[in-house]
Amino acid sequence: MFGVIITLLITVSVVFSIALGNEQELANAALSGCSDAVELCIGLAGAMGLWGGLMSAAQKCGLTKRLCKLMKAPLRLLFPKLKDSEALEAISLNVTANLLG
């Protein structure tokens, strides 16, 4: 469904740019958008590599398990039906990851 909407929007914009004689502006906008997308992807790949490496190091030294144990106590109050289950551990790991950024 989303693909149909995007295709329709692109088709309408191309038709209107041809009808109004703004083909060059449309081409410039498309190339500018592609350039911005590539820059964003490169920047995000660097950030993901950095934080992924830091989290891997924290996991290997046991920091995430200790933070997970600290977070389990307050989370047991929020989720009383989850008694030492894998779901509680996953939730506490997620909260810990969000706190670490």
PDB file of N, CA and C in Angstrom:
ATOM      1  N   MET A   1       0.824  -1.189   0.000  1.00  0.00           N
ATOM      2  CA  MET A   1       0.000   0.000   0.000  1.00  0.00           C
ATOM      3  C   MET A   1       0.869   1.253   0.000  1.00  0.00           C
ATOM      4  N   PHE A   2       1.918   1.226   0.821  1.00  0.00           N
ATOM      5  CA  PHE A   2       2.792   2.391   0.897  1.00  0.00           C
ATOM      6  C   PHE A   2       3.517   2.616  -0.424  1.00  0.00           C
ATOM      7  N   GLY A   3       3.901   1.534  -1.070  1.00  0.00           N
ATOM      8  CA  GLY A   3       4.563   1.639  -2.370  1.00  0.00           C
ATOM      9  C   GLY A   3       3.659   2.279  -3.415  1.00  0.00           C
ATOM     10  N   VAL A   4       2.368   1.968  -3.352  1.00  0.00           N
ATOM     11  CA  VAL A   4       1.408   2.553  -4.290  1.00  0.00           C
ATOM     12  C   VAL A   4       1.294   4.055  -4.060  1.00  0.00           C
ATOM     13  N   ILE A   5       1.252   4.459  -2.798  1.00  0.00           N
ATOM     14  CA  ILE A   5       1.141   5.881  -2.468  1.00  0.00           C
ATOM     15  C   ILE A   5       2.382   6.634  -2.934  1.00  0.00           C
ATOM     16  N   ILE A   6       3.562   6.093  -2.683  1.00  0.00           N
ATOM     17  CA  ILE A   6       4.801   6.752  -3.102  1.00  0.00           C
ATOM     18  C   ILE A   6       4.863   6.847  -4.628  1.00  0.00           C
ATOM     19  N   THR A   7       4.498   5.771  -5.318  1.00  0.00           N
ATOM     20  CA  THR A   7       4.500   5.779  -6.779  1.00  0.00           C
ATOM     21  C   THR A   7       3.536   6.831  -7.320  1.00  0.00           C
ATOM     22  N   LEU A   8       2.373   6.938  -6.706  1.00  0.00           N
ATOM     23  CA  LEU A   8       1.391   7.929  -7.118  1.00  0.00           C
ATOM     24  C   LEU A   8       1.922   9.345  -6.895  1.00  0.00           C
ATOM     25  N   LEU A   9       2.551   9.602  -5.758  1.00  0.00           N
ATOM     26  CA  LEU A   9       3.096  10.932  -5.485  1.00  0.00           C
ATOM     27  C   LEU A   9       4.207  11.304  -6.466  1.00  0.00           C
ATOM     28  N   ILE A  10       5.082  10.365  -6.771  1.00  0.00           N
ATOM     29  CA  ILE A  10       6.162  10.638  -7.715  1.00  0.00           C
ATOM     30  C   ILE A  10       5.594  10.896  -9.106  1.00  0.00           C
ATOM     31  N   THR A  11       4.618  10.091  -9.516  1.00  0.00           N
ATOM     32  CA  THR A  11       4.017  10.264 -10.836  1.00  0.00           C
ATOM     33  C   THR A  11       3.331  11.622 -10.960  1.00  0.00           C
ATOM     34  N   VAL A  12       2.590  12.010  -9.945  1.00  0.00           N
ATOM     35  CA  VAL A  12       1.898  13.301  -9.967  1.00  0.00           C
ATOM     36  C   VAL A  12       2.910  14.448 -10.004  1.00  0.00           C
ATOM     37  N   SER A  13       3.981  14.339  -9.242  1.00  0.00           N
ATOM     38  CA  SER A  13       4.969  15.419  -9.236  1.00  0.00           C
ATOM     39  C   SER A  13       5.684  15.535 -10.577  1.00  0.00           C
ATOM     40  N   VAL A  14       5.974  14.416 -11.224  1.00  0.00           N
ATOM     41  CA  VAL A  14       6.615  14.451 -12.544  1.00  0.00           C
ATOM     42  C   VAL A  14       5.661  15.049 -13.578  1.00  0.00           C
ATOM     43  N   VAL A  15       4.406  14.645 -13.542  1.00  0.00           N
ATOM     44  CA  VAL A  15       3.418  15.165 -14.497  1.00  0.00           C
ATOM     45  C   VAL A  15       3.256  16.672 -14.321  1.00  0.00           C
ATOM     46  N   PHE A  16       3.142  17.139 -13.090  1.00  0.00           N
ATOM     47  CA  PHE A  16       2.970  18.570 -12.864  1.00  0.00           C
ATOM     48  C   PHE A  16       4.222  19.369 -13.212  1.00  0.00           C
ATOM     49  N   SER A  17       5.404  18.792 -12.964  1.00  0.00           N
ATOM     50  CA  SER A  17       6.623  19.527 -13.319  1.00  0.00           C
ATOM     51  C   SER A  17       6.760  19.655 -14.836  1.00  0.00           C
ATOM     52  N   ILE A  18       6.356  18.630 -15.575  1.00  0.00           N
ATOM     53  CA  ILE A  18       6.381  18.716 -17.035  1.00  0.00           C
ATOM     54  C   ILE A  18       5.325  19.705 -17.521  1.00  0.00           C
ATOM     55  N   ALA A  19       4.131  19.663 -16.922  1.00  0.00           N
ATOM     56  CA  ALA A  19       3.058  20.565 -17.332  1.00  0.00           C
ATOM     57  C   ALA A  19       3.409  22.029 -17.049  1.00  0.00           C
ATOM     58  N   LEU A  20       4.111  22.288 -15.958  1.00  0.00           N
ATOM     59  CA  LEU A  20       4.464  23.662 -15.598  1.00  0.00           C
ATOM     60  C   LEU A  20       5.820  24.083 -16.138  1.00  0.00           C
ATOM     61  N   GLY A  21       6.544  23.172 -16.756  1.00  0.00           N
ATOM     62  CA  GLY A  21       7.840  23.509 -17.341  1.00  0.00           C
ATOM     63  C   GLY A  21       8.961  23.618 -16.323  1.00  0.00           C
ATOM     64  N   ASN A  22       8.870  22.882 -15.212  1.00  0.00           N
ATOM     65  CA  ASN A  22       9.888  22.935 -14.157  1.00  0.00           C
ATOM     66  C   ASN A  22      10.677  21.641 -14.075  1.00  0.00           C
ATOM     67  N   GLU A  23      11.012  21.058 -15.209  1.00  0.00           N
ATOM     68  CA  GLU A  23      11.711  19.774 -15.196  1.00  0.00           C
ATOM     69  C   GLU A  23      13.090  19.889 -14.546  1.00  0.00           C
ATOM     70  N   GLN A  24      13.783  20.990 -14.828  1.00  0.00           N
ATOM     71  CA  GLN A  24      15.129  21.164 -14.279  1.00  0.00           C
ATOM     72  C   GLN A  24      15.103  21.291 -12.756  1.00  0.00           C
ATOM     73  N   GLU A  25      14.115  22.004 -12.234  1.00  0.00           N
ATOM     74  CA  GLU A  25      13.995  22.140 -10.780  1.00  0.00           C
ATOM     75  C   GLU A  25      13.682  20.798 -10.119  1.00  0.00           C
ATOM     76  N   LEU A  26      12.861  19.995 -10.773  1.00  0.00           N
ATOM     77  CA  LEU A  26      12.542  18.664 -10.245  1.00  0.00           C
ATOM     78  C   LEU A  26      13.785  17.782 -10.240  1.00  0.00           C
ATOM     79  N   ALA A  27      14.558  17.838 -11.312  1.00  0.00           N
ATOM     80  CA  ALA A  27      15.785  17.042 -11.378  1.00  0.00           C
ATOM     81  C   ALA A  27      16.781  17.492 -10.307  1.00  0.00           C
ATOM     82  N   ASN A  28      16.925  18.800 -10.126  1.00  0.00           N
ATOM     83  CA  ASN A  28      17.835  19.308  -9.090  1.00  0.00           C
ATOM     84  C   ASN A  28      17.383  18.886  -7.693  1.00  0.00           C
ATOM     85  N   ALA A  29      16.084  18.928  -7.443  1.00  0.00           N
ATOM     86  CA  ALA A  29      15.563  18.531  -6.134  1.00  0.00           C
ATOM     87  C   ALA A  29      15.769  17.033  -5.896  1.00  0.00           C
ATOM     88  N   ALA A  30      15.585  16.233  -6.933  1.00  0.00           N
ATOM     89  CA  ALA A  30      15.778  14.785  -6.791  1.00  0.00           C
ATOM     90  C   ALA A  30      17.240  14.462  -6.499  1.00  0.00           C
ATOM     91  N   LEU A  31      18.161  15.097  -7.224  1.00  0.00           N
ATOM     92  CA  LEU A  31      19.587  14.851  -6.989  1.00  0.00           C
ATOM     93  C   LEU A  31      20.029  15.356  -5.612  1.00  0.00           C
ATOM     94  N   SER A  32      19.494  16.487  -5.198  1.00  0.00           N
ATOM     95  CA  SER A  32      19.821  17.019  -3.873  1.00  0.00           C
ATOM     96  C   SER A  32      19.315  16.082  -2.770  1.00  0.00           C
ATOM     97  N   GLY A  33      18.115  15.556  -2.954  1.00  0.00           N
ATOM     98  CA  GLY A  33      17.564  14.608  -1.975  1.00  0.00           C
ATOM     99  C   GLY A  33      18.374  13.336  -1.895  1.00  0.00           C
ATOM    100  N   CYS A  34      18.829  12.839  -3.036  1.00  0.00           N
ATOM    101  CA  CYS A  34      19.661  11.624  -3.040  1.00  0.00           C
ATOM    102  C   CYS A  34      20.986  11.875  -2.333  1.00  0.00           C
ATOM    103  N   SER A  35      21.565  13.028  -2.571  1.00  0.00           N
ATOM    104  CA  SER A  35      22.838  13.370  -1.924  1.00  0.00           C
ATOM    105  C   SER A  35      22.669  13.454  -0.408  1.00  0.00           C
ATOM    106  N   ASP A  36      21.593  14.089   0.027  1.00  0.00           N
ATOM    107  CA  ASP A  36      21.330  14.191   1.469  1.00  0.00           C
ATOM    108  C   ASP A  36      21.097  12.814   2.093  1.00  0.00           C
ATOM    109  N   ALA A  37      20.424  11.926   1.352  1.00  0.00           N
ATOM    110  CA  ALA A  37      20.160  10.583   1.871  1.00  0.00           C
ATOM    111  C   ALA A  37      21.451   9.792   2.048  1.00  0.00           C
ATOM    112  N   VAL A  38      22.378   9.930   1.096  1.00  0.00           N
ATOM    113  CA  VAL A  38      23.653   9.221   1.202  1.00  0.00           C
ATOM    114  C   VAL A  38      24.458   9.754   2.390  1.00  0.00           C
ATOM    115  N   GLU A  39      24.487  11.064   2.565  1.00  0.00           N
ATOM    116  CA  GLU A  39      25.196  11.651   3.711  1.00  0.00           C
ATOM    117  C   GLU A  39      24.606  11.174   5.031  1.00  0.00           C
ATOM    118  N   LEU A  40      23.283  11.110   5.109  1.00  0.00           N
ATOM    119  CA  LEU A  40      22.622  10.640   6.325  1.00  0.00           C
ATOM    120  C   LEU A  40      22.974   9.190   6.612  1.00  0.00           C
ATOM    121  N   CYS A  41      22.960   8.350   5.591  1.00  0.00           N
ATOM    122  CA  CYS A  41      23.282   6.926   5.775  1.00  0.00           C
ATOM    123  C   CYS A  41      24.714   6.735   6.252  1.00  0.00           C
ATOM    124  N   ILE A  42      25.646   7.491   5.699  1.00  0.00           N
ATOM    125  CA  ILE A  42      27.046   7.373   6.111  1.00  0.00           C
ATOM    126  C   ILE A  42      27.208   7.823   7.562  1.00  0.00           C
ATOM    127  N   GLY A  43      26.559   8.931   7.918  1.00  0.00           N
ATOM    128  CA  GLY A  43      26.632   9.406   9.301  1.00  0.00           C
ATOM    129  C   GLY A  43      26.026   8.426  10.289  1.00  0.00           C
ATOM    130  N   LEU A  44      24.880   7.861   9.934  1.00  0.00           N
ATOM    131  CA  LEU A  44      24.230   6.898  10.829  1.00  0.00           C
ATOM    132  C   LEU A  44      25.009   5.602  10.934  1.00  0.00           C
ATOM    133  N   ALA A  45      25.660   5.190   9.846  1.00  0.00           N
ATOM    134  CA  ALA A  45      26.461   3.964   9.897  1.00  0.00           C
ATOM    135  C   ALA A  45      27.624   4.132  10.870  1.00  0.00           C
ATOM    136  N   GLY A  46      28.236   5.303  10.875  1.00  0.00           N
ATOM    137  CA  GLY A  46      29.323   5.565  11.822  1.00  0.00           C
ATOM    138  C   GLY A  46      28.840   5.538  13.261  1.00  0.00           C
ATOM    139  N   ALA A  47      27.708   6.177  13.516  1.00  0.00           N
ATOM    140  CA  ALA A  47      27.161   6.201  14.879  1.00  0.00           C
ATOM    141  C   ALA A  47      26.756   4.804  15.328  1.00  0.00           C
ATOM    142  N   MET A  48      26.160   4.030  14.432  1.00  0.00           N
ATOM    143  CA  MET A  48      25.763   2.667  14.791  1.00  0.00           C
ATOM    144  C   MET A  48      26.979   1.798  15.070  1.00  0.00           C
ATOM    145  N   GLY A  49      28.032   1.995  14.294  1.00  0.00           N
ATOM    146  CA  GLY A  49      29.263   1.239  14.537  1.00  0.00           C
ATOM    147  C   GLY A  49      29.872   1.575  15.886  1.00  0.00           C
ATOM    148  N   LEU A  50      29.893   2.859  16.223  1.00  0.00           N
ATOM    149  CA  LEU A  50      30.448   3.293  17.509  1.00  0.00           C
ATOM    150  C   LEU A  50      29.657   2.719  18.679  1.00  0.00           C
ATOM    151  N   TRP A  51      28.343   2.937  18.682  1.00  0.00           N
ATOM    152  CA  TRP A  51      27.539   2.488  19.813  1.00  0.00           C
ATOM    153  C   TRP A  51      27.414   0.974  19.854  1.00  0.00           C
ATOM    154  N   GLY A  52      27.411   0.333  18.691  1.00  0.00           N
ATOM    155  CA  GLY A  52      27.383  -1.129  18.671  1.00  0.00           C
ATOM    156  C   GLY A  52      28.647  -1.712  19.275  1.00  0.00           C
ATOM    157  N   GLY A  53      29.789  -1.098  18.976  1.00  0.00           N
ATOM    158  CA  GLY A  53      31.049  -1.548  19.558  1.00  0.00           C
ATOM    159  C   GLY A  53      31.102  -1.324  21.054  1.00  0.00           C
ATOM    160  N   LEU A  54      30.618  -0.164  21.501  1.00  0.00           N
ATOM    161  CA  LEU A  54      30.609   0.108  22.943  1.00  0.00           C
ATOM    162  C   LEU A  54      29.679  -0.851  23.686  1.00  0.00           C
ATOM    163  N   MET A  55      28.521  -1.129  23.094  1.00  0.00           N
ATOM    164  CA  MET A  55      27.599  -2.052  23.752  1.00  0.00           C
ATOM    165  C   MET A  55      28.149  -3.483  23.739  1.00  0.00           C
ATOM    166  N   SER A  56      28.875  -3.843  22.698  1.00  0.00           N
ATOM    167  CA  SER A  56      29.491  -5.169  22.659  1.00  0.00           C
ATOM    168  C   SER A  56      30.555  -5.287  23.749  1.00  0.00           C
ATOM    169  N   ALA A  57      31.349  -4.240  23.931  1.00  0.00           N
ATOM    170  CA  ALA A  57      32.366  -4.250  24.984  1.00  0.00           C
ATOM    171  C   ALA A  57      31.711  -4.298  26.362  1.00  0.00           C
ATOM    172  N   ALA A  58      30.620  -3.528  26.535  1.00  0.00           N
ATOM    173  CA  ALA A  58      29.912  -3.540  27.817  1.00  0.00           C
ATOM    174  C   ALA A  58      29.300  -4.911  28.090  1.00  0.00           C
ATOM    175  N   GLN A  59      28.841  -5.569  27.059  1.00  0.00           N
ATOM    176  CA  GLN A  59      28.244  -6.898  27.232  1.00  0.00           C
ATOM    177  C   GLN A  59      29.307  -7.927  27.590  1.00  0.00           C
ATOM    178  N   LYS A  60      30.481  -7.830  26.957  1.00  0.00           N
ATOM    179  CA  LYS A  60      31.543  -8.797  27.238  1.00  0.00           C
ATOM    180  C   LYS A  60      32.113  -8.643  28.640  1.00  0.00           C
ATOM    181  N   CYS A  61      32.139  -7.413  29.170  1.00  0.00           N
ATOM    182  CA  CYS A  61      32.687  -7.236  30.512  1.00  0.00           C
ATOM    183  C   CYS A  61      31.628  -7.408  31.603  1.00  0.00           C
ATOM    184  N   GLY A  62      30.375  -7.654  31.215  1.00  0.00           N
ATOM    185  CA  GLY A  62      29.336  -7.946  32.195  1.00  0.00           C
ATOM    186  C   GLY A  62      28.594  -6.730  32.715  1.00  0.00           C
ATOM    187  N   LEU A  63      28.851  -5.563  32.148  1.00  0.00           N
ATOM    188  CA  LEU A  63      28.193  -4.341  32.609  1.00  0.00           C
ATOM    189  C   LEU A  63      26.694  -4.383  32.348  1.00  0.00           C
ATOM    190  N   THR A  64      26.286  -4.910  31.208  1.00  0.00           N
ATOM    191  CA  THR A  64      24.858  -4.932  30.894  1.00  0.00           C
ATOM    192  C   THR A  64      24.082  -5.863  31.828  1.00  0.00           C
ATOM    193  N   LYS A  65      24.703  -6.971  32.240  1.00  0.00           N
ATOM    194  CA  LYS A  65      24.011  -7.882  33.174  1.00  0.00           C
ATOM    195  C   LYS A  65      23.832  -7.231  34.536  1.00  0.00           C
ATOM    196  N   ARG A  66      24.846  -6.482  34.968  1.00  0.00           N
ATOM    197  CA  ARG A  66      24.724  -5.798  36.267  1.00  0.00           C
ATOM    198  C   ARG A  66      23.660  -4.708  36.213  1.00  0.00           C
ATOM    199  N   LEU A  67      23.631  -3.952  35.127  1.00  0.00           N
ATOM    200  CA  LEU A  67      22.594  -2.935  34.989  1.00  0.00           C
ATOM    201  C   LEU A  67      21.213  -3.567  34.856  1.00  0.00           C
ATOM    202  N   CYS A  68      21.169  -4.710  34.231  1.00  0.00           N
ATOM    203  CA  CYS A  68      19.921  -5.444  34.083  1.00  0.00           C
ATOM    204  C   CYS A  68      19.380  -5.870  35.452  1.00  0.00           C
ATOM    205  N   LYS A  69      20.270  -6.331  36.316  1.00  0.00           N
ATOM    206  CA  LYS A  69      19.849  -6.735  37.663  1.00  0.00           C
ATOM    207  C   LYS A  69      19.350  -5.540  38.462  1.00  0.00           C
ATOM    208  N   LEU A  70      19.987  -4.374  38.273  1.00  0.00           N
ATOM    209  CA  LEU A  70      19.533  -3.173  38.967  1.00  0.00           C
ATOM    210  C   LEU A  70      18.148  -2.739  38.488  1.00  0.00           C
ATOM    211  N   MET A  71      17.877  -2.926  37.207  1.00  0.00           N
ATOM    212  CA  MET A  71      16.602  -2.490  36.648  1.00  0.00           C
ATOM    213  C   MET A  71      15.476  -3.466  36.925  1.00  0.00           C
ATOM    214  N   LYS A  72      15.795  -4.712  37.275  1.00  0.00           N
ATOM    215  CA  LYS A  72      14.738  -5.704  37.496  1.00  0.00           C
ATOM    216  C   LYS A  72      13.871  -5.356  38.700  1.00  0.00           C
ATOM    217  N   ALA A  73      14.458  -4.783  39.752  1.00  0.00           N
ATOM    218  CA  ALA A  73      13.671  -4.472  40.944  1.00  0.00           C
ATOM    219  C   ALA A  73      12.560  -3.468  40.647  1.00  0.00           C
ATOM    220  N   PRO A  74      12.849  -2.318  40.034  1.00  0.00           N
ATOM    221  CA  PRO A  74      11.739  -1.403  39.724  1.00  0.00           C
ATOM    222  C   PRO A  74      10.771  -1.956  38.678  1.00  0.00           C
ATOM    223  N   LEU A  75      11.293  -2.757  37.760  1.00  0.00           N
ATOM    224  CA  LEU A  75      10.412  -3.294  36.726  1.00  0.00           C
ATOM    225  C   LEU A  75       9.479  -4.368  37.267  1.00  0.00           C
ATOM    226  N   ARG A  76       9.889  -5.046  38.325  1.00  0.00           N
ATOM    227  CA  ARG A  76       8.978  -6.031  38.943  1.00  0.00           C
ATOM    228  C   ARG A  76       7.754  -5.337  39.536  1.00  0.00           C
ATOM    229  N   LEU A  77       7.933  -4.088  39.985  1.00  0.00           N
ATOM    230  CA  LEU A  77       6.784  -3.328  40.489  1.00  0.00           C
ATOM    231  C   LEU A  77       5.839  -2.942  39.355  1.00  0.00           C
ATOM    232  N   LEU A  78       6.403  -2.640  38.188  1.00  0.00           N
ATOM    233  CA  LEU A  78       5.576  -2.261  37.044  1.00  0.00           C
ATOM    234  C   LEU A  78       4.919  -3.464  36.381  1.00  0.00           C
ATOM    235  N   PHE A  79       5.626  -4.598  36.378  1.00  0.00           N
ATOM    236  CA  PHE A  79       5.129  -5.819  35.742  1.00  0.00           C
ATOM    237  C   PHE A  79       5.115  -6.953  36.769  1.00  0.00           C
ATOM    238  N   PRO A  80       4.138  -6.979  37.673  1.00  0.00           N
ATOM    239  CA  PRO A  80       4.159  -7.976  38.754  1.00  0.00           C
ATOM    240  C   PRO A  80       3.913  -9.419  38.284  1.00  0.00           C
ATOM    241  N   LYS A  81       3.299  -9.608  37.130  1.00  0.00           N
ATOM    242  CA  LYS A  81       3.023 -10.966  36.660  1.00  0.00           C
ATOM    243  C   LYS A  81       4.243 -11.633  36.039  1.00  0.00           C
ATOM    244  N   LEU A  82       5.260 -10.868  35.713  1.00  0.00           N
ATOM    245  CA  LEU A  82       6.477 -11.440  35.124  1.00  0.00           C
ATOM    246  C   LEU A  82       7.461 -11.756  36.240  1.00  0.00           C
ATOM    247  N   LYS A  83       7.524 -12.994  36.629  1.00  0.00           N
ATOM    248  CA  LYS A  83       8.421 -13.412  37.709  1.00  0.00           C
ATOM    249  C   LYS A  83       9.667 -14.061  37.120  1.00  0.00           C
ATOM    250  N   ASP A  84      10.781 -13.358  37.106  1.00  0.00           N
ATOM    251  CA  ASP A  84      12.072 -13.865  36.637  1.00  0.00           C
ATOM    252  C   ASP A  84      11.962 -14.586  35.295  1.00  0.00           C
ATOM    253  N   SER A  85      11.229 -14.003  34.385  1.00  0.00           N
ATOM    254  CA  SER A  85      11.087 -14.619  33.077  1.00  0.00           C
ATOM    255  C   SER A  85      12.035 -13.948  32.083  1.00  0.00           C
ATOM    256  N   GLU A  86      12.115 -14.527  30.914  1.00  0.00           N
ATOM    257  CA  GLU A  86      12.948 -13.947  29.870  1.00  0.00           C
ATOM    258  C   GLU A  86      12.387 -12.616  29.406  1.00  0.00           C
ATOM    259  N   ALA A  87      11.080 -12.452  29.488  1.00  0.00           N
ATOM    260  CA  ALA A  87      10.456 -11.191  29.083  1.00  0.00           C
ATOM    261  C   ALA A  87      10.904 -10.057  29.994  1.00  0.00           C
ATOM    262  N   LEU A  88      10.974 -10.306  31.300  1.00  0.00           N
ATOM    263  CA  LEU A  88      11.428  -9.283  32.240  1.00  0.00           C
ATOM    264  C   LEU A  88      12.886  -8.924  31.975  1.00  0.00           C
ATOM    265  N   GLU A  89      13.696  -9.905  31.652  1.00  0.00           N
ATOM    266  CA  GLU A  89      15.093  -9.634  31.336  1.00  0.00           C
ATOM    267  C   GLU A  89      15.211  -8.818  30.056  1.00  0.00           C
ATOM    268  N   ALA A  90      14.391  -9.133  29.059  1.00  0.00           N
ATOM    269  CA  ALA A  90      14.419  -8.374  27.812  1.00  0.00           C
ATOM    270  C   ALA A  90      13.958  -6.938  28.028  1.00  0.00           C
ATOM    271  N   ILE A  91      12.932  -6.753  28.849  1.00  0.00           N
ATOM    272  CA  ILE A  91      12.449  -5.410  29.136  1.00  0.00           C
ATOM    273  C   ILE A  91      13.512  -4.614  29.887  1.00  0.00           C
ATOM    274  N   SER A  92      14.145  -5.232  30.873  1.00  0.00           N
ATOM    275  CA  SER A  92      15.169  -4.507  31.630  1.00  0.00           C
ATOM    276  C   SER A  92      16.381  -4.192  30.761  1.00  0.00           C
ATOM    277  N   LEU A  93      16.731  -5.077  29.846  1.00  0.00           N
ATOM    278  CA  LEU A  93      17.832  -4.803  28.929  1.00  0.00           C
ATOM    279  C   LEU A  93      17.480  -3.658  27.996  1.00  0.00           C
ATOM    280  N   ASN A  94      16.237  -3.605  27.547  1.00  0.00           N
ATOM    281  CA  ASN A  94      15.795  -2.521  26.686  1.00  0.00           C
ATOM    282  C   ASN A  94      15.817  -1.181  27.415  1.00  0.00           C
ATOM    283  N   VAL A  95      15.324  -1.155  28.640  1.00  0.00           N
ATOM    284  CA  VAL A  95      15.353   0.067  29.430  1.00  0.00           C
ATOM    285  C   VAL A  95      16.789   0.506  29.700  1.00  0.00           C
ATOM    286  N   THR A  96      17.647  -0.436  29.996  1.00  0.00           N
ATOM    287  CA  THR A  96      19.064  -0.120  30.233  1.00  0.00           C
ATOM    288  C   THR A  96      19.703   0.460  28.979  1.00  0.00           C
ATOM    289  N   ALA A  97      19.418  -0.138  27.826  1.00  0.00           N
ATOM    290  CA  ALA A  97      19.965   0.368  26.566  1.00  0.00           C
ATOM    291  C   ALA A  97      19.469   1.779  26.278  1.00  0.00           C
ATOM    292  N   ASN A  98      18.200   2.044  26.589  1.00  0.00           N
ATOM    293  CA  ASN A  98      17.658   3.387  26.367  1.00  0.00           C
ATOM    294  C   ASN A  98      18.294   4.386  27.318  1.00  0.00           C
ATOM    295  N   LEU A  99      18.567   3.978  28.544  1.00  0.00           N
ATOM    296  CA  LEU A  99      19.233   4.881  29.494  1.00  0.00           C
ATOM    297  C   LEU A  99      20.667   5.178  29.085  1.00  0.00           C
ATOM    298  N   LEU A 100      21.339   4.200  28.490  1.00  0.00           N
ATOM    299  CA  LEU A 100      22.723   4.402  28.054  1.00  0.00           C
ATOM    300  C   LEU A 100      22.796   5.202  26.752  1.00  0.00           C
ATOM    301  N   GLY A 101      21.684   5.335  26.086  1.00  0.00           N
ATOM    302  CA  GLY A 101      21.669   6.134  24.859  1.00  0.00           C
ATOM    303  C   GLY A 101      21.832   5.293  23.656  1.00  0.00           C
TER     304      GLY A 101
END
